């Protein structure tokens, strides 16, 4: 689902106070979610560079958003991010069908 609108709208942040381009996605009718990666805020080792795990976390979030009822979440997915989210977004494209199936 990545198209020119994503490339045109996502610019590097001027500061760390927001998500660049976010309002544009909302204005275009996208359901926008932020992933809670495994290990953030909990005991144990954070899985910062385990991109397959992070990609699966993003897919799990898509499934959860689709279960919220009439919010407009469909079955097409786009993923954008920077820093940890950039690695996770790139890894989403590498997942196989088994990783993306409904729970």
PDB file of N, CA and C in Angstrom:
ATOM      1  N   UNK A   1       0.811  -1.179   0.000  1.00  0.00           N
ATOM      2  CA  UNK A   1       0.000   0.000   0.000  1.00  0.00           C
ATOM      3  C   UNK A   1       0.860   1.251   0.000  1.00  0.00           C
ATOM      4  N   UNK A   2       2.133   1.114   0.034  1.00  0.00           N
ATOM      5  CA  UNK A   2       2.972   2.301   0.004  1.00  0.00           C
ATOM      6  C   UNK A   2       2.844   2.965  -1.353  1.00  0.00           C
ATOM      7  N   UNK A   3       2.541   4.228  -1.332  1.00  0.00           N
ATOM      8  CA  UNK A   3       2.385   4.950  -2.585  1.00  0.00           C
ATOM      9  C   UNK A   3       3.010   6.332  -2.445  1.00  0.00           C
ATOM     10  N   UNK A   4       2.906   7.132  -3.474  1.00  0.00           N
ATOM     11  CA  UNK A   4       3.525   8.447  -3.482  1.00  0.00           C
ATOM     12  C   UNK A   4       3.074   9.346  -2.353  1.00  0.00           C
ATOM     13  N   UNK A   5       1.845   9.167  -1.880  1.00  0.00           N
ATOM     14  CA  UNK A   5       1.361  10.016  -0.794  1.00  0.00           C
ATOM     15  C   UNK A   5       2.193   9.816   0.460  1.00  0.00           C
ATOM     16  N   UNK A   6       2.649   8.592   0.712  1.00  0.00           N
ATOM     17  CA  UNK A   6       3.483   8.342   1.888  1.00  0.00           C
ATOM     18  C   UNK A   6       4.817   9.072   1.729  1.00  0.00           C
ATOM     19  N   UNK A   7       5.432   8.934   0.577  1.00  0.00           N
ATOM     20  CA  UNK A   7       6.743   9.519   0.348  1.00  0.00           C
ATOM     21  C   UNK A   7       6.678  11.034   0.429  1.00  0.00           C
ATOM     22  N   UNK A   8       5.645  11.635  -0.158  1.00  0.00           N
ATOM     23  CA  UNK A   8       5.519  13.089  -0.142  1.00  0.00           C
ATOM     24  C   UNK A   8       5.256  13.636   1.255  1.00  0.00           C
ATOM     25  N   UNK A   9       4.553  12.899   2.076  1.00  0.00           N
ATOM     26  CA  UNK A   9       4.090  13.424   3.338  1.00  0.00           C
ATOM     27  C   UNK A   9       5.056  13.191   4.494  1.00  0.00           C
ATOM     28  N   UNK A  10       5.836  12.146   4.474  1.00  0.00           N
ATOM     29  CA  UNK A  10       6.680  11.804   5.612  1.00  0.00           C
ATOM     30  C   UNK A  10       8.017  12.500   5.468  1.00  0.00           C
ATOM     31  N   UNK A  11       8.239  13.459   6.312  1.00  0.00           N
ATOM     32  CA  UNK A  11       9.479  14.227   6.333  1.00  0.00           C
ATOM     33  C   UNK A  11      10.164  14.021   7.682  1.00  0.00           C
ATOM     34  N   UNK A  12      11.481  14.196   7.743  1.00  0.00           N
ATOM     35  CA  UNK A  12      12.160  14.066   9.042  1.00  0.00           C
ATOM     36  C   UNK A  12      11.585  15.060  10.046  1.00  0.00           C
ATOM     37  N   UNK A  13      11.453  14.657  11.303  1.00  0.00           N
ATOM     38  CA  UNK A  13      10.891  15.559  12.303  1.00  0.00           C
ATOM     39  C   UNK A  13      11.815  16.734  12.569  1.00  0.00           C
ATOM     40  N   UNK A  14      11.224  17.902  12.812  1.00  0.00           N
ATOM     41  CA  UNK A  14      12.010  19.076  13.196  1.00  0.00           C
ATOM     42  C   UNK A  14      12.390  18.993  14.664  1.00  0.00           C
ATOM     43  N   UNK A  15      11.594  18.288  15.430  1.00  0.00           N
ATOM     44  CA  UNK A  15      11.902  18.021  16.828  1.00  0.00           C
ATOM     45  C   UNK A  15      11.296  16.664  17.170  1.00  0.00           C
ATOM     46  N   UNK A  16      11.381  16.267  18.399  1.00  0.00           N
ATOM     47  CA  UNK A  16      10.884  14.934  18.769  1.00  0.00           C
ATOM     48  C   UNK A  16       9.498  14.983  19.384  1.00  0.00           C
ATOM     49  N   UNK A  17       8.738  16.064  19.151  1.00  0.00           N
ATOM     50  CA  UNK A  17       7.454  16.219  19.826  1.00  0.00           C
ATOM     51  C   UNK A  17       6.262  15.661  19.047  1.00  0.00           C
ATOM     52  N   UNK A  18       6.466  15.111  17.876  1.00  0.00           N
ATOM     53  CA  UNK A  18       5.327  14.621  17.121  1.00  0.00           C
ATOM     54  C   UNK A  18       5.714  13.644  16.042  1.00  0.00           C
ATOM     55  N   UNK A  19       4.728  13.173  15.341  1.00  0.00           N
ATOM     56  CA  UNK A  19       4.942  12.229  14.249  1.00  0.00           C
ATOM     57  C   UNK A  19       4.745  12.978  12.945  1.00  0.00           C
ATOM     58  N   UNK A  20       5.800  13.096  12.117  1.00  0.00           N
ATOM     59  CA  UNK A  20       5.654  13.856  10.881  1.00  0.00           C
ATOM     60  C   UNK A  20       4.648  13.218   9.932  1.00  0.00           C
ATOM     61  N   UNK A  21       3.771  14.041   9.401  1.00  0.00           N
ATOM     62  CA  UNK A  21       2.802  13.555   8.430  1.00  0.00           C
ATOM     63  C   UNK A  21       1.569  12.892   9.000  1.00  0.00           C
ATOM     64  N   UNK A  22       1.503  12.731  10.305  1.00  0.00           N
ATOM     65  CA  UNK A  22       0.406  11.978  10.919  1.00  0.00           C
ATOM     66  C   UNK A  22      -0.965  12.563  10.593  1.00  0.00           C
ATOM     67  N   UNK A  23      -1.111  13.859  10.724  1.00  0.00           N
ATOM     68  CA  UNK A  23      -2.418  14.471  10.485  1.00  0.00           C
ATOM     69  C   UNK A  23      -2.880  14.245   9.049  1.00  0.00           C
ATOM     70  N   UNK A  24      -1.972  14.227   8.119  1.00  0.00           N
ATOM     71  CA  UNK A  24      -2.334  13.975   6.720  1.00  0.00           C
ATOM     72  C   UNK A  24      -2.936  12.593   6.524  1.00  0.00           C
ATOM     73  N   UNK A  25      -2.379  11.584   7.209  1.00  0.00           N
ATOM     74  CA  UNK A  25      -2.944  10.234   7.121  1.00  0.00           C
ATOM     75  C   UNK A  25      -4.358  10.205   7.711  1.00  0.00           C
ATOM     76  N   UNK A  26      -4.532  10.869   8.842  1.00  0.00           N
ATOM     77  CA  UNK A  26      -5.857  10.934   9.472  1.00  0.00           C
ATOM     78  C   UNK A  26      -6.838  11.642   8.545  1.00  0.00           C
ATOM     79  N   UNK A  27      -6.408  12.763   7.975  1.00  0.00           N
ATOM     80  CA  UNK A  27      -7.270  13.516   7.057  1.00  0.00           C
ATOM     81  C   UNK A  27      -7.680  12.689   5.841  1.00  0.00           C
ATOM     82  N   UNK A  28      -6.814  11.768   5.411  1.00  0.00           N
ATOM     83  CA  UNK A  28      -7.121  10.905   4.267  1.00  0.00           C
ATOM     84  C   UNK A  28      -7.945   9.680   4.646  1.00  0.00           C
ATOM     85  N   UNK A  29      -8.314   9.551   5.920  1.00  0.00           N
ATOM     86  CA  UNK A  29      -9.186   8.462   6.340  1.00  0.00           C
ATOM     87  C   UNK A  29      -8.481   7.208   6.820  1.00  0.00           C
ATOM     88  N   UNK A  30      -7.161   7.272   6.993  1.00  0.00           N
ATOM     89  CA  UNK A  30      -6.446   6.105   7.509  1.00  0.00           C
ATOM     90  C   UNK A  30      -6.712   5.918   8.997  1.00  0.00           C
ATOM     91  N   UNK A  31      -6.755   4.683   9.450  1.00  0.00           N
ATOM     92  CA  UNK A  31      -6.767   4.379  10.879  1.00  0.00           C
ATOM     93  C   UNK A  31      -5.307   4.355  11.300  1.00  0.00           C
ATOM     94  N   UNK A  32      -4.933   5.194  12.259  1.00  0.00           N
ATOM     95  CA  UNK A  32      -3.541   5.341  12.665  1.00  0.00           C
ATOM     96  C   UNK A  32      -3.342   4.714  14.042  1.00  0.00           C
ATOM     97  N   UNK A  33      -2.327   3.864  14.164  1.00  0.00           N
ATOM     98  CA  UNK A  33      -2.018   3.181  15.419  1.00  0.00           C
ATOM     99  C   UNK A  33      -0.530   3.319  15.712  1.00  0.00           C
ATOM    100  N   UNK A  34      -0.172   3.224  16.974  1.00  0.00           N
ATOM    101  CA  UNK A  34       1.235   3.231  17.387  1.00  0.00           C
ATOM    102  C   UNK A  34       1.530   1.925  18.112  1.00  0.00           C
ATOM    103  N   UNK A  35       2.562   1.247  17.663  1.00  0.00           N
ATOM    104  CA  UNK A  35       2.898  -0.072  18.199  1.00  0.00           C
ATOM    105  C   UNK A  35       3.554   0.029  19.568  1.00  0.00           C
ATOM    106  N   UNK A  36       3.175  -0.879  20.445  1.00  0.00           N
ATOM    107  CA  UNK A  36       3.827  -1.051  21.742  1.00  0.00           C
ATOM    108  C   UNK A  36       4.721  -2.279  21.603  1.00  0.00           C
ATOM    109  N   UNK A  37       6.023  -2.056  21.460  1.00  0.00           N
ATOM    110  CA  UNK A  37       6.942  -3.160  21.200  1.00  0.00           C
ATOM    111  C   UNK A  37       7.218  -3.967  22.465  1.00  0.00           C
ATOM    112  N   UNK A  38       7.470  -5.257  22.278  1.00  0.00           N
ATOM    113  CA  UNK A  38       7.792  -6.139  23.395  1.00  0.00           C
ATOM    114  C   UNK A  38       9.000  -5.606  24.154  1.00  0.00           C
ATOM    115  N   UNK A  39       8.901  -5.630  25.474  1.00  0.00           N
ATOM    116  CA  UNK A  39      10.027  -5.248  26.315  1.00  0.00           C
ATOM    117  C   UNK A  39      10.051  -3.805  26.750  1.00  0.00           C
ATOM    118  N   UNK A  40       9.229  -2.952  26.175  1.00  0.00           N
ATOM    119  CA  UNK A  40       9.214  -1.557  26.600  1.00  0.00           C
ATOM    120  C   UNK A  40       8.509  -1.432  27.948  1.00  0.00           C
ATOM    121  N   UNK A  41       9.228  -0.946  28.953  1.00  0.00           N
ATOM    122  CA  UNK A  41       8.635  -0.712  30.269  1.00  0.00           C
ATOM    123  C   UNK A  41       8.429  -1.950  31.106  1.00  0.00           C
ATOM    124  N   UNK A  42       8.988  -3.069  30.715  1.00  0.00           N
ATOM    125  CA  UNK A  42       8.823  -4.288  31.500  1.00  0.00           C
ATOM    126  C   UNK A  42      10.207  -4.862  31.834  1.00  0.00           C
ATOM    127  N   UNK A  43      10.259  -5.721  32.843  1.00  0.00           N
ATOM    128  CA  UNK A  43      11.547  -6.325  33.192  1.00  0.00           C
ATOM    129  C   UNK A  43      12.090  -7.175  32.050  1.00  0.00           C
ATOM    130  N   UNK A  44      13.369  -7.350  32.015  1.00  0.00           N
ATOM    131  CA  UNK A  44      13.987  -8.179  30.995  1.00  0.00           C
ATOM    132  C   UNK A  44      14.591  -7.348  29.886  1.00  0.00           C
ATOM    133  N   UNK A  45      15.173  -8.043  28.932  1.00  0.00           N
ATOM    134  CA  UNK A  45      15.864  -7.388  27.832  1.00  0.00           C
ATOM    135  C   UNK A  45      14.883  -6.877  26.786  1.00  0.00           C
ATOM    136  N   UNK A  46      15.092  -5.640  26.402  1.00  0.00           N
ATOM    137  CA  UNK A  46      14.282  -5.031  25.342  1.00  0.00           C
ATOM    138  C   UNK A  46      14.765  -5.569  23.996  1.00  0.00           C
ATOM    139  N   UNK A  47      13.865  -5.870  23.101  1.00  0.00           N
ATOM    140  CA  UNK A  47      14.193  -6.510  21.822  1.00  0.00           C
ATOM    141  C   UNK A  47      14.357  -5.471  20.707  1.00  0.00           C
ATOM    142  N   UNK A  48      15.117  -4.424  20.980  1.00  0.00           N
ATOM    143  CA  UNK A  48      15.245  -3.275  20.089  1.00  0.00           C
ATOM    144  C   UNK A  48      15.664  -3.643  18.671  1.00  0.00           C
ATOM    145  N   UNK A  49      16.610  -4.531  18.503  1.00  0.00           N
ATOM    146  CA  UNK A  49      17.098  -4.829  17.157  1.00  0.00           C
ATOM    147  C   UNK A  49      16.599  -6.169  16.608  1.00  0.00           C
ATOM    148  N   UNK A  50      15.610  -6.742  17.250  1.00  0.00           N
ATOM    149  CA  UNK A  50      15.021  -7.987  16.739  1.00  0.00           C
ATOM    150  C   UNK A  50      13.846  -7.576  15.848  1.00  0.00           C
ATOM    151  N   UNK A  51      14.152  -7.273  14.601  1.00  0.00           N
ATOM    152  CA  UNK A  51      13.154  -6.640  13.735  1.00  0.00           C
ATOM    153  C   UNK A  51      11.979  -7.549  13.404  1.00  0.00           C
ATOM    154  N   UNK A  52      12.186  -8.849  13.332  1.00  0.00           N
ATOM    155  CA  UNK A  52      11.055  -9.742  13.039  1.00  0.00           C
ATOM    156  C   UNK A  52      10.027  -9.682  14.168  1.00  0.00           C
ATOM    157  N   UNK A  53      10.489  -9.653  15.401  1.00  0.00           N
ATOM    158  CA  UNK A  53       9.588  -9.530  16.541  1.00  0.00           C
ATOM    159  C   UNK A  53       8.833  -8.202  16.491  1.00  0.00           C
ATOM    160  N   UNK A  54       9.536  -7.123  16.175  1.00  0.00           N
ATOM    161  CA  UNK A  54       8.895  -5.809  16.089  1.00  0.00           C
ATOM    162  C   UNK A  54       7.868  -5.766  14.963  1.00  0.00           C
ATOM    163  N   UNK A  55       8.184  -6.395  13.845  1.00  0.00           N
ATOM    164  CA  UNK A  55       7.242  -6.440  12.721  1.00  0.00           C
ATOM    165  C   UNK A  55       5.983  -7.214  13.108  1.00  0.00           C
ATOM    166  N   UNK A  56       6.168  -8.319  13.796  1.00  0.00           N
ATOM    167  CA  UNK A  56       5.000  -9.082  14.263  1.00  0.00           C
ATOM    168  C   UNK A  56       4.160  -8.255  15.229  1.00  0.00           C
ATOM    169  N   UNK A  57       4.819  -7.493  16.112  1.00  0.00           N
ATOM    170  CA  UNK A  57       4.074  -6.616  17.021  1.00  0.00           C
ATOM    171  C   UNK A  57       3.216  -5.629  16.236  1.00  0.00           C
ATOM    172  N   UNK A  58       3.748  -5.091  15.149  1.00  0.00           N
ATOM    173  CA  UNK A  58       2.978  -4.162  14.313  1.00  0.00           C
ATOM    174  C   UNK A  58       1.782  -4.864  13.680  1.00  0.00           C
ATOM    175  N   UNK A  59       1.969  -6.092  13.219  1.00  0.00           N
ATOM    176  CA  UNK A  59       0.865  -6.852  12.615  1.00  0.00           C
ATOM    177  C   UNK A  59      -0.184  -7.186  13.673  1.00  0.00           C
ATOM    178  N   UNK A  60       0.251  -7.527  14.882  1.00  0.00           N
ATOM    179  CA  UNK A  60      -0.708  -7.795  15.960  1.00  0.00           C
ATOM    180  C   UNK A  60      -1.552  -6.557  16.235  1.00  0.00           C
ATOM    181  N   UNK A  61      -0.944  -5.385  16.149  1.00  0.00           N
ATOM    182  CA  UNK A  61      -1.680  -4.144  16.366  1.00  0.00           C
ATOM    183  C   UNK A  61      -2.739  -3.942  15.281  1.00  0.00           C
ATOM    184  N   UNK A  62      -2.408  -4.298  14.052  1.00  0.00           N
ATOM    185  CA  UNK A  62      -3.388  -4.199  12.956  1.00  0.00           C
ATOM    186  C   UNK A  62      -4.584  -5.102  13.252  1.00  0.00           C
ATOM    187  N   UNK A  63      -4.317  -6.323  13.682  1.00  0.00           N
ATOM    188  CA  UNK A  63      -5.412  -7.246  14.021  1.00  0.00           C
ATOM    189  C   UNK A  63      -6.262  -6.668  15.153  1.00  0.00           C
ATOM    190  N   UNK A  64      -5.618  -6.091  16.161  1.00  0.00           N
ATOM    191  CA  UNK A  64      -6.356  -5.504  17.290  1.00  0.00           C
ATOM    192  C   UNK A  64      -7.218  -4.335  16.816  1.00  0.00           C
ATOM    193  N   UNK A  65      -6.684  -3.492  15.946  1.00  0.00           N
ATOM    194  CA  UNK A  65      -7.451  -2.348  15.438  1.00  0.00           C
ATOM    195  C   UNK A  65      -8.678  -2.811  14.663  1.00  0.00           C
ATOM    196  N   UNK A  66      -8.537  -3.902  13.923  1.00  0.00           N
ATOM    197  CA  UNK A  66      -9.668  -4.426  13.157  1.00  0.00           C
ATOM    198  C   UNK A  66     -10.752  -4.990  14.065  1.00  0.00           C
ATOM    199  N   UNK A  67     -10.405  -5.376  15.291  1.00  0.00           N
ATOM    200  CA  UNK A  67     -11.378  -5.933  16.238  1.00  0.00           C
ATOM    201  C   UNK A  67     -12.117  -4.863  17.035  1.00  0.00           C
ATOM    202  N   UNK A  68     -11.776  -3.606  16.857  1.00  0.00           N
ATOM    203  CA  UNK A  68     -12.388  -2.524  17.622  1.00  0.00           C
ATOM    204  C   UNK A  68     -13.786  -2.167  17.152  1.00  0.00           C
ATOM    205  N   UNK A  69     -14.262  -2.823  16.146  1.00  0.00           N
ATOM    206  CA  UNK A  69     -15.614  -2.531  15.670  1.00  0.00           C
ATOM    207  C   UNK A  69     -15.591  -1.586  14.496  1.00  0.00           C
ATOM    208  N   UNK A  70     -16.572  -0.729  14.442  1.00  0.00           N
ATOM    209  CA  UNK A  70     -16.763   0.143  13.292  1.00  0.00           C
ATOM    210  C   UNK A  70     -15.845   1.360  13.348  1.00  0.00           C
ATOM    211  N   UNK A  71     -14.552   1.130  13.175  1.00  0.00           N
ATOM    212  CA  UNK A  71     -13.570   2.213  13.148  1.00  0.00           C
ATOM    213  C   UNK A  71     -13.022   2.437  11.748  1.00  0.00           C
ATOM    214  N   UNK A  72     -13.433   1.581  10.818  1.00  0.00           N
ATOM    215  CA  UNK A  72     -12.996   1.741   9.444  1.00  0.00           C
ATOM    216  C   UNK A  72     -11.713   1.018   9.094  1.00  0.00           C
ATOM    217  N   UNK A  73     -11.189   0.206  10.009  1.00  0.00           N
ATOM    218  CA  UNK A  73      -9.954  -0.526   9.717  1.00  0.00           C
ATOM    219  C   UNK A  73     -10.269  -1.681   8.779  1.00  0.00           C
ATOM    220  N   UNK A  74      -9.552  -1.728   7.672  1.00  0.00           N
ATOM    221  CA  UNK A  74      -9.771  -2.775   6.670  1.00  0.00           C
ATOM    222  C   UNK A  74      -8.635  -3.776   6.670  1.00  0.00           C
ATOM    223  N   UNK A  75      -8.344  -4.317   5.496  1.00  0.00           N
ATOM    224  CA  UNK A  75      -7.298  -5.328   5.415  1.00  0.00           C
ATOM    225  C   UNK A  75      -6.080  -4.856   4.626  1.00  0.00           C
ATOM    226  N   UNK A  76      -6.001  -3.578   4.297  1.00  0.00           N
ATOM    227  CA  UNK A  76      -4.800  -3.003   3.671  1.00  0.00           C
ATOM    228  C   UNK A  76      -3.997  -2.309   4.761  1.00  0.00           C
ATOM    229  N   UNK A  77      -2.678  -2.464   4.702  1.00  0.00           N
ATOM    230  CA  UNK A  77      -1.815  -1.944   5.765  1.00  0.00           C
ATOM    231  C   UNK A  77      -0.668  -1.153   5.168  1.00  0.00           C
ATOM    232  N   UNK A  78      -0.380  -0.023   5.765  1.00  0.00           N
ATOM    233  CA  UNK A  78       0.823   0.745   5.465  1.00  0.00           C
ATOM    234  C   UNK A  78       1.594   0.907   6.758  1.00  0.00           C
ATOM    235  N   UNK A  79       2.886   0.953   6.678  1.00  0.00           N
ATOM    236  CA  UNK A  79       3.705   1.073   7.883  1.00  0.00           C
ATOM    237  C   UNK A  79       4.798   2.100   7.643  1.00  0.00           C
ATOM    238  N   UNK A  80       4.885   3.079   8.518  1.00  0.00           N
ATOM    239  CA  UNK A  80       5.938   4.097   8.448  1.00  0.00           C
ATOM    240  C   UNK A  80       6.524   4.268   9.835  1.00  0.00           C
ATOM    241  N   UNK A  81       7.738   4.757   9.908  1.00  0.00           N
ATOM    242  CA  UNK A  81       8.359   5.012  11.193  1.00  0.00           C
ATOM    243  C   UNK A  81       9.776   5.514  11.036  1.00  0.00           C
ATOM    244  N   UNK A  82      10.350   5.937  12.135  1.00  0.00           N
ATOM    245  CA  UNK A  82      11.760   6.289  12.138  1.00  0.00           C
ATOM    246  C   UNK A  82      12.372   5.685  13.390  1.00  0.00           C
ATOM    247  N   UNK A  83      13.672   5.582  13.405  1.00  0.00           N
ATOM    248  CA  UNK A  83      14.409   4.934  14.488  1.00  0.00           C
ATOM    249  C   UNK A  83      13.908   3.494  14.620  1.00  0.00           C
ATOM    250  N   UNK A  84      13.486   3.083  15.791  1.00  0.00           N
ATOM    251  CA  UNK A  84      13.006   1.716  15.966  1.00  0.00           C
ATOM    252  C   UNK A  84      11.819   1.436  15.055  1.00  0.00           C
ATOM    253  N   UNK A  85      10.932   2.383  14.899  1.00  0.00           N
ATOM    254  CA  UNK A  85       9.778   2.204  14.028  1.00  0.00           C
ATOM    255  C   UNK A  85      10.149   2.059  12.564  1.00  0.00           C
ATOM    256  N   UNK A  86      11.237   2.690  12.136  1.00  0.00           N
ATOM    257  CA  UNK A  86      11.698   2.536  10.763  1.00  0.00           C
ATOM    258  C   UNK A  86      12.168   1.113  10.489  1.00  0.00           C
ATOM    259  N   UNK A  87      12.924   0.559  11.448  1.00  0.00           N
ATOM    260  CA  UNK A  87      13.357  -0.830  11.306  1.00  0.00           C
ATOM    261  C   UNK A  87      12.187  -1.791  11.323  1.00  0.00           C
ATOM    262  N   UNK A  88      11.232  -1.521  12.201  1.00  0.00           N
ATOM    263  CA  UNK A  88      10.043  -2.373  12.277  1.00  0.00           C
ATOM    264  C   UNK A  88       9.229  -2.281  10.991  1.00  0.00           C
ATOM    265  N   UNK A  89       9.083  -1.077  10.452  1.00  0.00           N
ATOM    266  CA  UNK A  89       8.314  -0.901   9.211  1.00  0.00           C
ATOM    267  C   UNK A  89       8.962  -1.633   8.044  1.00  0.00           C
ATOM    268  N   UNK A  90      10.271  -1.553   7.948  1.00  0.00           N
ATOM    269  CA  UNK A  90      10.968  -2.280   6.890  1.00  0.00           C
ATOM    270  C   UNK A  90      10.794  -3.787   7.063  1.00  0.00           C
ATOM    271  N   UNK A  91      10.806  -4.245   8.311  1.00  0.00           N
ATOM    272  CA  UNK A  91      10.674  -5.680   8.578  1.00  0.00           C
ATOM    273  C   UNK A  91       9.260  -6.188   8.284  1.00  0.00           C
ATOM    274  N   UNK A  92       8.246  -5.327   8.404  1.00  0.00           N
ATOM    275  CA  UNK A  92       6.882  -5.743   8.070  1.00  0.00           C
ATOM    276  C   UNK A  92       6.829  -6.249   6.629  1.00  0.00           C
ATOM    277  N   UNK A  93       7.533  -5.578   5.745  1.00  0.00           N
ATOM    278  CA  UNK A  93       7.532  -5.973   4.327  1.00  0.00           C
ATOM    279  C   UNK A  93       8.204  -7.325   4.110  1.00  0.00           C
ATOM    280  N   UNK A  94       9.010  -7.773   5.047  1.00  0.00           N
ATOM    281  CA  UNK A  94       9.730  -9.034   4.904  1.00  0.00           C
ATOM    282  C   UNK A  94       9.001 -10.225   5.532  1.00  0.00           C
ATOM    283  N   UNK A  95       7.895  -9.966   6.214  1.00  0.00           N
ATOM    284  CA  UNK A  95       7.171 -11.064   6.860  1.00  0.00           C
ATOM    285  C   UNK A  95       6.549 -11.987   5.812  1.00  0.00           C
ATOM    286  N   UNK A  96       6.422 -13.242   6.170  1.00  0.00           N
ATOM    287  CA  UNK A  96       5.740 -14.179   5.269  1.00  0.00           C
ATOM    288  C   UNK A  96       4.259 -14.258   5.644  1.00  0.00           C
ATOM    289  N   UNK A  97       3.476 -14.942   4.848  1.00  0.00           N
ATOM    290  CA  UNK A  97       2.031 -14.997   5.050  1.00  0.00           C
ATOM    291  C   UNK A  97       1.663 -15.614   6.397  1.00  0.00           C
ATOM    292  N   UNK A  98       2.446 -16.531   6.883  1.00  0.00           N
ATOM    293  CA  UNK A  98       2.174 -17.147   8.183  1.00  0.00           C
ATOM    294  C   UNK A  98       2.228 -16.111   9.306  1.00  0.00           C
ATOM    295  N   UNK A  99       3.132 -15.154   9.207  1.00  0.00           N
ATOM    296  CA  UNK A  99       3.249 -14.104  10.222  1.00  0.00           C
ATOM    297  C   UNK A  99       2.068 -13.136  10.184  1.00  0.00           C
ATOM    298  N   UNK A 100       1.421 -13.009   9.039  1.00  0.00           N
ATOM    299  CA  UNK A 100       0.384 -11.989   8.855  1.00  0.00           C
ATOM    300  C   UNK A 100      -1.043 -12.534   8.935  1.00  0.00           C
ATOM    301  N   UNK A 101      -1.203 -13.810   9.115  1.00  0.00           N
ATOM    302  CA  UNK A 101      -2.558 -14.385   9.140  1.00  0.00           C
ATOM    303  C   UNK A 101      -3.325 -13.914  10.367  1.00  0.00           C
ATOM    304  N   UNK A 102      -4.634 -13.967  10.271  1.00  0.00           N
ATOM    305  CA  UNK A 102      -5.477 -13.606  11.405  1.00  0.00           C
ATOM    306  C   UNK A 102      -5.213 -14.555  12.556  1.00  0.00           C
ATOM    307  N   UNK A 103      -5.278 -14.020  13.790  1.00  0.00           N
ATOM    308  CA  UNK A 103      -5.047 -14.881  14.965  1.00  0.00           C
ATOM    309  C   UNK A 103      -6.155 -15.901  15.160  1.00  0.00           C
TER     310      UNK A 103
END
